[in-house]
Amino acid sequence: MSLMYNWKIYGNQRVLIQLERDINGGNLSHAYLFSGPDNVGKYAVARNMAKILQCEGEHSDNPIAKEIDAGYHADTIEIKDDFESVKIEKIRDVIEKMNMTKQSPFKILLLQNLERLTPESGNALLKTLEDPPSNVVFIMTTDNLNEILPTVISRVRNVYFSRLTNDEMTGFLKANFKEADADLLNRAATLSLGRPGKAYDLMSDLETYELYLKMYEDIEQLIQKKNKTDQFMYIESLVNQAKDEKKAYLIKEFLDILLLVLRKELIAGAGGINASIPKEKAVNLTVKILKAKELMKRNVNTRLLLENLMLSI
């Protein structure tokens, strides 16, 4: 089935088809929560959905769409992720604006990474979700559905965005970087872990690409050598780098790339190729990494958590 609108993302066509059915079939929800991994296009779709609704479908060169892009459309209120918690005062201000007279078809709230709400601001938003004003649409995103209040989830239409397959990622990069070396494209597709936004960033910034590639190679070495001193020194360096707020993402990427390397080890073992880690140990370590990713959300001691993982290799 072909799409009616240009959503400006690659992949997740199933999701886009369903959203178009909601928009054009009289099944629009008052609140959407786009969940799934980061860098798969959730917020891009949220902003494009707002433009489609406010411009009644014609949003490519519409002046209203340009106002939404610029962030000053009066009836489209946007709370972007600035890496800070969203306090209750902010939500109260937004709710007040959502109740004001509108000039557009809808009052729309775009909220990036809903998990940033404090418990107090989450409860304040919940009250409006339970009894929303007419013609109000909430379009929110989250990278961590487990961090969202169940009461909030029960009052929204949850739309899940998935990672792309490696073939889809390669196709995406080939379409956007036609002159790039095939080996570079394949490595970027692998390192992106199915996230087109991340793949695009890696191809657009070779310094970041080299950082990710080095992390992948470092993890391979740590697994192959099993030297605890080297492993602990690497963890210490990683944790120290992540103390810089702009590099805090490195811990999450380390765990994701560690999972990628373990997957490669499992495939190697299944194919009869000598693997660095026995299958049973690789499976157990995979389970521990997934648990560690959950624990990371609870402000546990990051260094101790990662060192315990190294002890399991």
C-alpha atoms as a PDB file:
ATOM      1  CA  MET A   1       0.000   0.000   0.000  1.00  0.00           C
ATOM      2  CA  SER A   2       1.409   3.373  -1.008  1.00  0.00           C
ATOM      3  CA  LEU A   3       1.513   6.307   1.377  1.00  0.00           C
ATOM      4  CA  MET A   4      -0.477   9.506   0.852  1.00  0.00           C
ATOM      5  CA  TYR A   5       1.969  11.806   2.636  1.00  0.00           C
ATOM      6  CA  ASN A   6       5.699  12.383   2.661  1.00  0.00           C
ATOM      7  CA  TRP A   7       6.651  11.418   6.209  1.00  0.00           C
ATOM      8  CA  LYS A   8      10.346  12.038   5.589  1.00  0.00           C
ATOM      9  CA  ILE A   9      11.568   8.888   7.335  1.00  0.00           C
ATOM     10  CA  TYR A  10      12.834   5.533   6.099  1.00  0.00           C
ATOM     11  CA  GLY A  11      11.203   2.280   7.201  1.00  0.00           C
ATOM     12  CA  ASN A  12       8.336   1.557   9.606  1.00  0.00           C
ATOM     13  CA  GLN A  13       5.859   1.769   6.739  1.00  0.00           C
ATOM     14  CA  ARG A  14       3.374  -0.349   8.722  1.00  0.00           C
ATOM     15  CA  VAL A  15       3.211   2.415  11.352  1.00  0.00           C
ATOM     16  CA  LEU A  16       2.787   5.168   8.759  1.00  0.00           C
ATOM     17  CA  ILE A  17      -0.034   3.321   6.991  1.00  0.00           C
ATOM     18  CA  GLN A  18      -1.886   2.964  10.295  1.00  0.00           C
ATOM     19  CA  LEU A  19      -1.445   6.655  11.133  1.00  0.00           C
ATOM     20  CA  GLU A  20      -2.799   7.646   7.725  1.00  0.00           C
ATOM     21  CA  ARG A  21      -5.825   5.417   8.351  1.00  0.00           C
ATOM     22  CA  ASP A  22      -6.365   7.146  11.693  1.00  0.00           C
ATOM     23  CA  ILE A  23      -6.107  10.610  10.121  1.00  0.00           C
ATOM     24  CA  ASN A  24      -8.328   9.928   7.123  1.00  0.00           C
ATOM     25  CA  GLY A  25     -10.678   7.303   8.541  1.00  0.00           C
ATOM     26  CA  GLY A  26     -12.194   9.213  11.423  1.00  0.00           C
ATOM     27  CA  ASN A  27     -10.271   7.167  13.974  1.00  0.00           C
ATOM     28  CA  LEU A  28      -7.942   9.852  15.308  1.00  0.00           C
ATOM     29  CA  SER A  29      -6.990   9.410  18.962  1.00  0.00           C
ATOM     30  CA  HIS A  30      -6.724  12.378  21.317  1.00  0.00           C
ATOM     31  CA  ALA A  31      -3.315  11.081  22.458  1.00  0.00           C
ATOM     32  CA  TYR A  32      -0.514   9.147  20.758  1.00  0.00           C
ATOM     33  CA  LEU A  33       2.638   7.761  22.306  1.00  0.00           C
ATOM     34  CA  PHE A  34       5.318   6.824  19.767  1.00  0.00           C
ATOM     35  CA  SER A  35       7.621   4.329  21.476  1.00  0.00           C
ATOM     36  CA  GLY A  36      10.706   2.449  20.367  1.00  0.00           C
ATOM     37  CA  PRO A  37      14.492   2.841  20.086  1.00  0.00           C
ATOM     38  CA  ASP A  38      16.064   6.259  19.693  1.00  0.00           C
ATOM     39  CA  ASN A  39      16.973   7.537  16.223  1.00  0.00           C
ATOM     40  CA  VAL A  40      14.328   5.552  14.324  1.00  0.00           C
ATOM     41  CA  GLY A  41      12.268   8.598  13.322  1.00  0.00           C
ATOM     42  CA  LYS A  42       9.615   8.810  16.059  1.00  0.00           C
ATOM     43  CA  TYR A  43       9.815  12.556  16.605  1.00  0.00           C
ATOM     44  CA  ALA A  44      10.122  13.301  12.894  1.00  0.00           C
ATOM     45  CA  VAL A  45       6.841  11.455  12.381  1.00  0.00           C
ATOM     46  CA  ALA A  46       5.273  13.300  15.335  1.00  0.00           C
ATOM     47  CA  ARG A  47       6.129  16.698  13.829  1.00  0.00           C
ATOM     48  CA  ASN A  48       4.959  15.653  10.360  1.00  0.00           C
ATOM     49  CA  MET A  49       1.703  14.331  11.792  1.00  0.00           C
ATOM     50  CA  ALA A  50       1.131  17.713  13.458  1.00  0.00           C
ATOM     51  CA  LYS A  51       1.697  19.446  10.106  1.00  0.00           C
ATOM     52  CA  ILE A  52      -0.670  17.068   8.289  1.00  0.00           C
ATOM     53  CA  LEU A  53      -3.408  17.706  10.864  1.00  0.00           C
ATOM     54  CA  GLN A  54      -2.971  21.474  11.044  1.00  0.00           C
ATOM     55  CA  CYS A  55      -2.690  21.899   7.285  1.00  0.00           C
ATOM     56  CA  GLU A  56      -5.450  19.368   6.570  1.00  0.00           C
ATOM     57  CA  GLY A  57      -3.159  17.173   4.527  1.00  0.00           C
ATOM     58  CA  GLU A  58      -1.396  19.765   2.398  1.00  0.00           C
ATOM     59  CA  HIS A  59       1.754  20.407   4.392  1.00  0.00           C
ATOM     60  CA  SER A  60       4.733  20.311   2.019  1.00  0.00           C
ATOM     61  CA  ASP A  61       5.017  24.063   1.343  1.00  0.00           C
ATOM     62  CA  ASN A  62       2.192  25.309   3.511  1.00  0.00           C
ATOM     63  CA  PRO A  63       2.940  28.512   5.491  1.00  0.00           C
ATOM     64  CA  ILE A  64       1.493  26.880   8.619  1.00  0.00           C
ATOM     65  CA  ALA A  65       3.897  23.952   8.216  1.00  0.00           C
ATOM     66  CA  LYS A  66       6.770  26.414   8.052  1.00  0.00           C
ATOM     67  CA  GLU A  67       5.537  28.030  11.262  1.00  0.00           C
ATOM     68  CA  ILE A  68       5.475  24.613  12.961  1.00  0.00           C
ATOM     69  CA  ASP A  69       9.010  23.907  11.722  1.00  0.00           C
ATOM     70  CA  ALA A  70      10.130  27.268  13.083  1.00  0.00           C
ATOM     71  CA  GLY A  71       8.439  26.602  16.425  1.00  0.00           C
ATOM     72  CA  TYR A  72       6.102  29.577  16.559  1.00  0.00           C
ATOM     73  CA  HIS A  73       2.750  28.175  15.437  1.00  0.00           C
ATOM     74  CA  ALA A  74       0.313  29.289  18.153  1.00  0.00           C
ATOM     75  CA  ASP A  75      -1.792  26.118  18.134  1.00  0.00           C
ATOM     76  CA  THR A  76       1.102  23.648  17.981  1.00  0.00           C
ATOM     77  CA  ILE A  77       2.975  23.614  21.264  1.00  0.00           C
ATOM     78  CA  GLU A  78       6.311  21.827  21.342  1.00  0.00           C
ATOM     79  CA  ILE A  79       8.407  20.563  24.239  1.00  0.00           C
ATOM     80  CA  LYS A  80      11.706  19.332  22.787  1.00  0.00           C
ATOM     81  CA  ASP A  81      14.174  17.235  24.728  1.00  0.00           C
ATOM     82  CA  ASP A  82      16.762  19.549  26.283  1.00  0.00           C
ATOM     83  CA  PHE A  83      18.167  16.801  28.556  1.00  0.00           C
ATOM     84  CA  GLU A  84      16.395  18.370  31.552  1.00  0.00           C
ATOM     85  CA  SER A  85      13.393  17.144  33.530  1.00  0.00           C
ATOM     86  CA  VAL A  86      10.044  18.635  32.569  1.00  0.00           C
ATOM     87  CA  LYS A  87       8.741  20.288  35.726  1.00  0.00           C
ATOM     88  CA  ILE A  88       5.103  20.625  36.743  1.00  0.00           C
ATOM     89  CA  GLU A  89       5.143  24.397  36.097  1.00  0.00           C
ATOM     90  CA  LYS A  90       5.925  23.743  32.441  1.00  0.00           C
ATOM     91  CA  ILE A  91       3.092  21.228  32.090  1.00  0.00           C
ATOM     92  CA  ARG A  92       0.621  23.550  33.821  1.00  0.00           C
ATOM     93  CA  ASP A  93       1.569  26.336  31.398  1.00  0.00           C
ATOM     94  CA  VAL A  94       1.102  23.991  28.433  1.00  0.00           C
ATOM     95  CA  ILE A  95      -2.287  22.762  29.693  1.00  0.00           C
ATOM     96  CA  GLU A  96      -3.442  26.362  30.047  1.00  0.00           C
ATOM     97  CA  LYS A  97      -2.440  27.067  26.444  1.00  0.00           C
ATOM     98  CA  MET A  98      -4.178  23.892  25.247  1.00  0.00           C
ATOM     99  CA  ASN A  99      -7.443  25.242  26.687  1.00  0.00           C
ATOM    100  CA  MET A 100      -7.193  28.584  24.901  1.00  0.00           C
ATOM    101  CA  THR A 101      -9.213  29.466  21.810  1.00  0.00           C
ATOM    102  CA  LYS A 102      -7.667  28.015  18.672  1.00  0.00           C
ATOM    103  CA  GLN A 103      -7.432  29.312  15.102  1.00  0.00           C
ATOM    104  CA  SER A 104      -6.379  25.959  13.603  1.00  0.00           C
ATOM    105  CA  PRO A 105      -8.190  22.620  13.234  1.00  0.00           C
ATOM    106  CA  PHE A 106      -6.494  21.332  16.417  1.00  0.00           C
ATOM    107  CA  LYS A 107      -4.545  22.277  19.480  1.00  0.00           C
ATOM    108  CA  ILE A 108      -1.531  19.949  19.356  1.00  0.00           C
ATOM    109  CA  LEU A 109       1.110  19.190  21.951  1.00  0.00           C
ATOM    110  CA  LEU A 110       4.372  17.699  20.682  1.00  0.00           C
ATOM    111  CA  LEU A 111       6.354  16.262  23.585  1.00  0.00           C
ATOM    112  CA  GLN A 112       9.712  14.618  22.928  1.00  0.00           C
ATOM    113  CA  ASN A 113      10.783  11.862  25.362  1.00  0.00           C
ATOM    114  CA  LEU A 114       7.865  11.688  27.757  1.00  0.00           C
ATOM    115  CA  GLU A 115      10.033   9.910  30.347  1.00  0.00           C
ATOM    116  CA  ARG A 116      11.568  13.298  31.220  1.00  0.00           C
ATOM    117  CA  LEU A 117       8.411  14.267  33.103  1.00  0.00           C
ATOM    118  CA  THR A 118       8.734  14.300  36.883  1.00  0.00           C
ATOM    119  CA  PRO A 119       6.114  12.274  38.819  1.00  0.00           C
ATOM    120  CA  GLU A 120       4.296  15.523  39.631  1.00  0.00           C
ATOM    121  CA  SER A 121       4.249  16.767  36.024  1.00  0.00           C
ATOM    122  CA  GLY A 122       3.265  13.287  34.823  1.00  0.00           C
ATOM    123  CA  ASN A 123       0.250  13.281  37.122  1.00  0.00           C
ATOM    124  CA  ALA A 124      -0.702  16.792  35.998  1.00  0.00           C
ATOM    125  CA  LEU A 125      -0.606  15.668  32.358  1.00  0.00           C
ATOM    126  CA  LEU A 126      -2.576  12.538  33.242  1.00  0.00           C
ATOM    127  CA  LYS A 127      -5.526  14.612  34.444  1.00  0.00           C
ATOM    128  CA  THR A 128      -5.763  16.312  31.033  1.00  0.00           C
ATOM    129  CA  LEU A 129      -5.363  12.988  29.208  1.00  0.00           C
ATOM    130  CA  GLU A 130      -8.294  11.633  31.210  1.00  0.00           C
ATOM    131  CA  ASP A 131     -10.557  14.546  30.284  1.00  0.00           C
ATOM    132  CA  PRO A 132      -9.063  16.322  27.249  1.00  0.00           C
ATOM    133  CA  PRO A 133     -10.551  19.463  25.686  1.00  0.00           C
ATOM    134  CA  SER A 134     -12.204  18.959  22.301  1.00  0.00           C
ATOM    135  CA  ASN A 135      -9.985  18.930  19.196  1.00  0.00           C
ATOM    136  CA  VAL A 136      -6.815  18.544  21.250  1.00  0.00           C
ATOM    137  CA  VAL A 137      -4.204  16.005  20.156  1.00  0.00           C
ATOM    138  CA  PHE A 138      -1.193  14.927  22.197  1.00  0.00           C
ATOM    139  CA  ILE A 139       1.653  13.421  20.152  1.00  0.00           C
ATOM    140  CA  MET A 140       4.421  12.220  22.449  1.00  0.00           C
ATOM    141  CA  THR A 141       7.482  10.022  22.113  1.00  0.00           C
ATOM    142  CA  THR A 142       9.525   7.807  24.402  1.00  0.00           C
ATOM    143  CA  ASP A 143      12.676   5.737  24.087  1.00  0.00           C
ATOM    144  CA  ASN A 144      11.874   3.889  27.335  1.00  0.00           C
ATOM    145  CA  LEU A 145       8.284   2.696  27.561  1.00  0.00           C
ATOM    146  CA  ASN A 146       9.028   0.972  30.882  1.00  0.00           C
ATOM    147  CA  GLU A 147       9.582   4.385  32.480  1.00  0.00           C
ATOM    148  CA  ILE A 148       6.123   5.686  31.595  1.00  0.00           C
ATOM    149  CA  LEU A 149       3.342   5.524  34.183  1.00  0.00           C
ATOM    150  CA  PRO A 150       0.960   2.626  33.358  1.00  0.00           C
ATOM    151  CA  THR A 151      -1.945   5.005  33.937  1.00  0.00           C
ATOM    152  CA  VAL A 152      -0.579   7.264  31.194  1.00  0.00           C
ATOM    153  CA  ILE A 153      -0.050   4.343  28.798  1.00  0.00           C
ATOM    154  CA  SER A 154      -3.658   3.230  29.358  1.00  0.00           C
ATOM    155  CA  ARG A 155      -4.915   6.604  28.128  1.00  0.00           C
ATOM    156  CA  VAL A 156      -2.900   6.893  24.905  1.00  0.00           C
ATOM    157  CA  ARG A 157      -2.659   4.993  21.655  1.00  0.00           C
ATOM    158  CA  ASN A 158       0.766   3.379  21.808  1.00  0.00           C
ATOM    159  CA  VAL A 159       2.463   3.137  18.404  1.00  0.00           C
ATOM    160  CA  TYR A 160       5.657   1.091  18.342  1.00  0.00           C
ATOM    161  CA  PHE A 161       8.515   1.981  15.978  1.00  0.00           C
ATOM    162  CA  SER A 162      10.966  -0.853  15.294  1.00  0.00           C
ATOM    163  CA  ARG A 163      14.591  -0.965  14.243  1.00  0.00           C
ATOM    164  CA  LEU A 164      15.333  -1.501  10.568  1.00  0.00           C
ATOM    165  CA  THR A 165      16.840  -4.716   9.262  1.00  0.00           C
ATOM    166  CA  ASN A 166      20.446  -4.597   8.100  1.00  0.00           C
ATOM    167  CA  ASP A 167      19.300  -4.798   4.461  1.00  0.00           C
ATOM    168  CA  GLU A 168      16.915  -1.859   5.022  1.00  0.00           C
ATOM    169  CA  MET A 169      19.705   0.114   6.677  1.00  0.00           C
ATOM    170  CA  THR A 170      22.061  -0.539   3.770  1.00  0.00           C
ATOM    171  CA  GLY A 171      19.374   0.534   1.295  1.00  0.00           C
ATOM    172  CA  PHE A 172      18.757   3.709   3.289  1.00  0.00           C
ATOM    173  CA  LEU A 173      22.444   4.629   3.322  1.00  0.00           C
ATOM    174  CA  LYS A 174      22.963   3.821  -0.354  1.00  0.00           C
ATOM    175  CA  ALA A 175      20.072   6.155  -1.227  1.00  0.00           C
ATOM    176  CA  ASN A 176      21.512   8.997   0.859  1.00  0.00           C
ATOM    177  CA  PHE A 177      25.259   8.510   0.310  1.00  0.00           C
ATOM    178  CA  LYS A 178      25.521   7.418  -3.302  1.00  0.00           C
ATOM    179  CA  GLU A 179      29.267   8.070  -3.612  1.00  0.00           C
ATOM    180  CA  ALA A 180      30.272   6.391  -0.342  1.00  0.00           C
ATOM    181  CA  ASP A 181      32.501   3.321  -0.187  1.00  0.00           C
ATOM    182  CA  ALA A 182      30.491   0.079   0.083  1.00  0.00           C
ATOM    183  CA  ASP A 183      32.544  -1.164   3.049  1.00  0.00           C
ATOM    184  CA  LEU A 184      31.945   2.103   4.911  1.00  0.00           C
ATOM    185  CA  LEU A 185      28.206   1.847   4.224  1.00  0.00           C
ATOM    186  CA  ASN A 186      28.037  -1.740   5.477  1.00  0.00           C
ATOM    187  CA  ARG A 187      29.963  -0.936   8.658  1.00  0.00           C
ATOM    188  CA  ALA A 188      27.801   2.115   9.380  1.00  0.00           C
ATOM    189  CA  ALA A 189      24.669   0.030   8.822  1.00  0.00           C
ATOM    190  CA  THR A 190      25.946  -2.547  11.324  1.00  0.00           C
ATOM    191  CA  LEU A 191      27.071  -0.007  13.925  1.00  0.00           C
ATOM    192  CA  SER A 192      23.779   1.894  13.750  1.00  0.00           C
ATOM    193  CA  LEU A 193      21.926  -1.095  15.210  1.00  0.00           C
ATOM    194  CA  GLY A 194      18.922  -0.582  12.947  1.00  0.00           C
ATOM    195  CA  ARG A 195      18.522   3.141  13.654  1.00  0.00           C
ATOM    196  CA  PRO A 196      18.494   5.229  10.464  1.00  0.00           C
ATOM    197  CA  GLY A 197      19.046   8.488  12.364  1.00  0.00           C
ATOM    198  CA  LYS A 198      22.179   7.065  13.955  1.00  0.00           C
ATOM    199  CA  ALA A 199      23.380   5.663  10.624  1.00  0.00           C
ATOM    200  CA  TYR A 200      22.935   9.063   8.993  1.00  0.00           C
ATOM    201  CA  ASP A 201      24.889  10.712  11.825  1.00  0.00           C
ATOM    202  CA  LEU A 202      27.716   8.189  11.479  1.00  0.00           C
ATOM    203  CA  MET A 203      27.997   8.766   7.732  1.00  0.00           C
ATOM    204  CA  SER A 204      27.776  12.539   8.148  1.00  0.00           C
ATOM    205  CA  ASP A 205      30.410  12.719  10.883  1.00  0.00           C
ATOM    206  CA  LEU A 206      33.363  10.440  10.294  1.00  0.00           C
ATOM    207  CA  GLU A 207      34.824  11.344  13.697  1.00  0.00           C
ATOM    208  CA  THR A 208      31.750   9.841  15.378  1.00  0.00           C
ATOM    209  CA  TYR A 209      31.908   6.884  12.999  1.00  0.00           C
ATOM    210  CA  GLU A 210      35.522   6.238  13.994  1.00  0.00           C
ATOM    211  CA  LEU A 211      34.564   6.471  17.676  1.00  0.00           C
ATOM    212  CA  TYR A 212      31.850   3.820  17.244  1.00  0.00           C
ATOM    213  CA  LEU A 213      34.090   1.613  15.121  1.00  0.00           C
ATOM    214  CA  LYS A 214      36.852   1.804  17.739  1.00  0.00           C
ATOM    215  CA  MET A 215      34.369   0.920  20.486  1.00  0.00           C
ATOM    216  CA  TYR A 216      33.254  -2.119  18.454  1.00  0.00           C
ATOM    217  CA  GLU A 217      36.859  -3.218  17.916  1.00  0.00           C
ATOM    218  CA  ASP A 218      37.758  -2.557  21.569  1.00  0.00           C
ATOM    219  CA  ILE A 219      34.871  -4.732  22.748  1.00  0.00           C
ATOM    220  CA  GLU A 220      35.942  -7.514  20.389  1.00  0.00           C
ATOM    221  CA  GLN A 221      39.434  -7.354  21.905  1.00  0.00           C
ATOM    222  CA  LEU A 222      38.109  -7.324  25.467  1.00  0.00           C
ATOM    223  CA  ILE A 223      36.089 -10.456  24.774  1.00  0.00           C
ATOM    224  CA  GLN A 224      38.896 -12.274  22.978  1.00  0.00           C
ATOM    225  CA  LYS A 225      41.674 -11.489  25.470  1.00  0.00           C
ATOM    226  CA  LYS A 226      39.596 -11.781  28.665  1.00  0.00           C
ATOM    227  CA  ASN A 227      42.251  -9.787  30.540  1.00  0.00           C
ATOM    228  CA  LYS A 228      40.460  -8.416  33.612  1.00  0.00           C
ATOM    229  CA  THR A 229      42.944  -5.583  34.115  1.00  0.00           C
ATOM    230  CA  ASP A 230      42.413  -4.358  30.549  1.00  0.00           C
ATOM    231  CA  GLN A 231      38.666  -4.772  30.882  1.00  0.00           C
ATOM    232  CA  PHE A 232      38.477  -2.787  34.124  1.00  0.00           C
ATOM    233  CA  MET A 233      40.760  -0.051  32.774  1.00  0.00           C
ATOM    234  CA  TYR A 234      38.499   0.261  29.729  1.00  0.00           C
ATOM    235  CA  ILE A 235      35.417   0.529  31.948  1.00  0.00           C
ATOM    236  CA  GLU A 236      37.098   3.188  34.083  1.00  0.00           C
ATOM    237  CA  SER A 237      37.945   5.239  30.997  1.00  0.00           C
ATOM    238  CA  LEU A 238      34.417   4.842  29.606  1.00  0.00           C
ATOM    239  CA  VAL A 239      32.744   5.897  32.862  1.00  0.00           C
ATOM    240  CA  ASN A 240      35.047   8.927  33.159  1.00  0.00           C
ATOM    241  CA  GLN A 241      34.184  10.024  29.599  1.00  0.00           C
ATOM    242  CA  ALA A 242      30.463   9.597  30.310  1.00  0.00           C
ATOM    243  CA  LYS A 243      30.683  12.050  33.218  1.00  0.00           C
ATOM    244  CA  ASP A 244      30.597  14.737  30.537  1.00  0.00           C
ATOM    245  CA  GLU A 245      26.857  15.247  29.956  1.00  0.00           C
ATOM    246  CA  LYS A 246      27.429  15.453  26.195  1.00  0.00           C
ATOM    247  CA  LYS A 247      29.018  11.984  26.256  1.00  0.00           C
ATOM    248  CA  ALA A 248      26.635  10.306  28.701  1.00  0.00           C
ATOM    249  CA  TYR A 249      25.200   8.347  25.754  1.00  0.00           C
ATOM    250  CA  LEU A 250      28.453   6.335  25.524  1.00  0.00           C
ATOM    251  CA  ILE A 251      27.371   3.939  28.285  1.00  0.00           C
ATOM    252  CA  LYS A 252      24.171   3.016  26.472  1.00  0.00           C
ATOM    253  CA  GLU A 253      26.024   2.650  23.175  1.00  0.00           C
ATOM    254  CA  PHE A 254      28.645   0.471  24.862  1.00  0.00           C
ATOM    255  CA  LEU A 255      25.939  -1.933  26.058  1.00  0.00           C
ATOM    256  CA  ASP A 256      24.245  -1.961  22.637  1.00  0.00           C
ATOM    257  CA  ILE A 257      27.502  -2.639  20.806  1.00  0.00           C
ATOM    258  CA  LEU A 258      28.430  -5.313  23.363  1.00  0.00           C
ATOM    259  CA  LEU A 259      25.135  -7.017  22.495  1.00  0.00           C
ATOM    260  CA  LEU A 260      26.003  -6.705  18.801  1.00  0.00           C
ATOM    261  CA  VAL A 261      29.389  -8.361  19.318  1.00  0.00           C
ATOM    262  CA  LEU A 262      27.814 -11.175  21.359  1.00  0.00           C
ATOM    263  CA  ARG A 263      25.268 -11.741  18.599  1.00  0.00           C
ATOM    264  CA  LYS A 264      28.153 -12.105  16.170  1.00  0.00           C
ATOM    265  CA  GLU A 265      29.769 -14.620  18.563  1.00  0.00           C
ATOM    266  CA  LEU A 266      26.557 -16.656  18.761  1.00  0.00           C
ATOM    267  CA  ILE A 267      26.252 -16.709  14.956  1.00  0.00           C
ATOM    268  CA  ALA A 268      29.896 -17.776  14.670  1.00  0.00           C
ATOM    269  CA  GLY A 269      29.337 -20.630  17.115  1.00  0.00           C
ATOM    270  CA  ALA A 270      26.157 -21.756  15.366  1.00  0.00           C
ATOM    271  CA  GLY A 271      28.000 -21.766  12.052  1.00  0.00           C
ATOM    272  CA  GLY A 272      30.710 -24.070  13.369  1.00  0.00           C
ATOM    273  CA  ILE A 273      33.269 -21.249  13.445  1.00  0.00           C
ATOM    274  CA  ASN A 274      35.472 -20.894  16.512  1.00  0.00           C
ATOM    275  CA  ALA A 275      33.856 -18.326  18.796  1.00  0.00           C
ATOM    276  CA  SER A 276      35.638 -16.426  21.552  1.00  0.00           C
ATOM    277  CA  ILE A 277      32.887 -17.214  24.074  1.00  0.00           C
ATOM    278  CA  PRO A 278      31.004 -20.519  24.514  1.00  0.00           C
ATOM    279  CA  LYS A 279      27.376 -20.340  23.455  1.00  0.00           C
ATOM    280  CA  GLU A 280      25.962 -20.807  26.968  1.00  0.00           C
ATOM    281  CA  LYS A 281      28.156 -18.047  28.399  1.00  0.00           C
ATOM    282  CA  ALA A 282      27.263 -15.699  25.536  1.00  0.00           C
ATOM    283  CA  VAL A 283      23.553 -16.287  26.136  1.00  0.00           C
ATOM    284  CA  ASN A 284      23.906 -15.722  29.894  1.00  0.00           C
ATOM    285  CA  LEU A 285      25.925 -12.549  29.319  1.00  0.00           C
ATOM    286  CA  THR A 286      23.281 -11.294  26.889  1.00  0.00           C
ATOM    287  CA  VAL A 287      20.622 -11.721  29.584  1.00  0.00           C
ATOM    288  CA  LYS A 288      22.808  -9.854  32.098  1.00  0.00           C
ATOM    289  CA  ILE A 289      23.353  -6.959  29.666  1.00  0.00           C
ATOM    290  CA  LEU A 290      19.618  -6.603  29.104  1.00  0.00           C
ATOM    291  CA  LYS A 291      19.118  -6.545  32.880  1.00  0.00           C
ATOM    292  CA  ALA A 292      21.946  -3.990  33.227  1.00  0.00           C
ATOM    293  CA  LYS A 293      20.219  -1.713  30.698  1.00  0.00           C
ATOM    294  CA  GLU A 294      17.135  -1.725  32.919  1.00  0.00           C
ATOM    295  CA  LEU A 295      19.165  -1.107  36.078  1.00  0.00           C
ATOM    296  CA  MET A 296      20.904   1.845  34.410  1.00  0.00           C
ATOM    297  CA  LYS A 297      17.583   3.700  34.539  1.00  0.00           C
ATOM    298  CA  ARG A 298      17.548   3.508  38.356  1.00  0.00           C
ATOM    299  CA  ASN A 299      20.692   5.532  39.051  1.00  0.00           C
ATOM    300  CA  VAL A 300      22.739   2.516  40.116  1.00  0.00           C
ATOM    301  CA  ASN A 301      26.551   2.636  40.365  1.00  0.00           C
ATOM    302  CA  THR A 302      27.453   2.544  36.662  1.00  0.00           C
ATOM    303  CA  ARG A 303      31.077   1.566  37.143  1.00  0.00           C
ATOM    304  CA  LEU A 304      30.231  -1.329  39.469  1.00  0.00           C
ATOM    305  CA  LEU A 305      27.498  -2.519  37.113  1.00  0.00           C
ATOM    306  CA  LEU A 306      29.849  -2.573  34.095  1.00  0.00           C
ATOM    307  CA  GLU A 307      32.681  -4.195  36.052  1.00  0.00           C
ATOM    308  CA  ASN A 308      30.317  -6.997  37.096  1.00  0.00           C
ATOM    309  CA  LEU A 309      29.539  -7.538  33.421  1.00  0.00           C
ATOM    310  CA  MET A 310      33.245  -7.826  32.671  1.00  0.00           C
ATOM    311  CA  LEU A 311      33.534 -10.502  35.358  1.00  0.00           C
ATOM    312  CA  SER A 312      30.959 -12.522  33.418  1.00  0.00           C
ATOM    313  CA  ILE A 313      33.055 -12.641  30.234  1.00  0.00           C
END
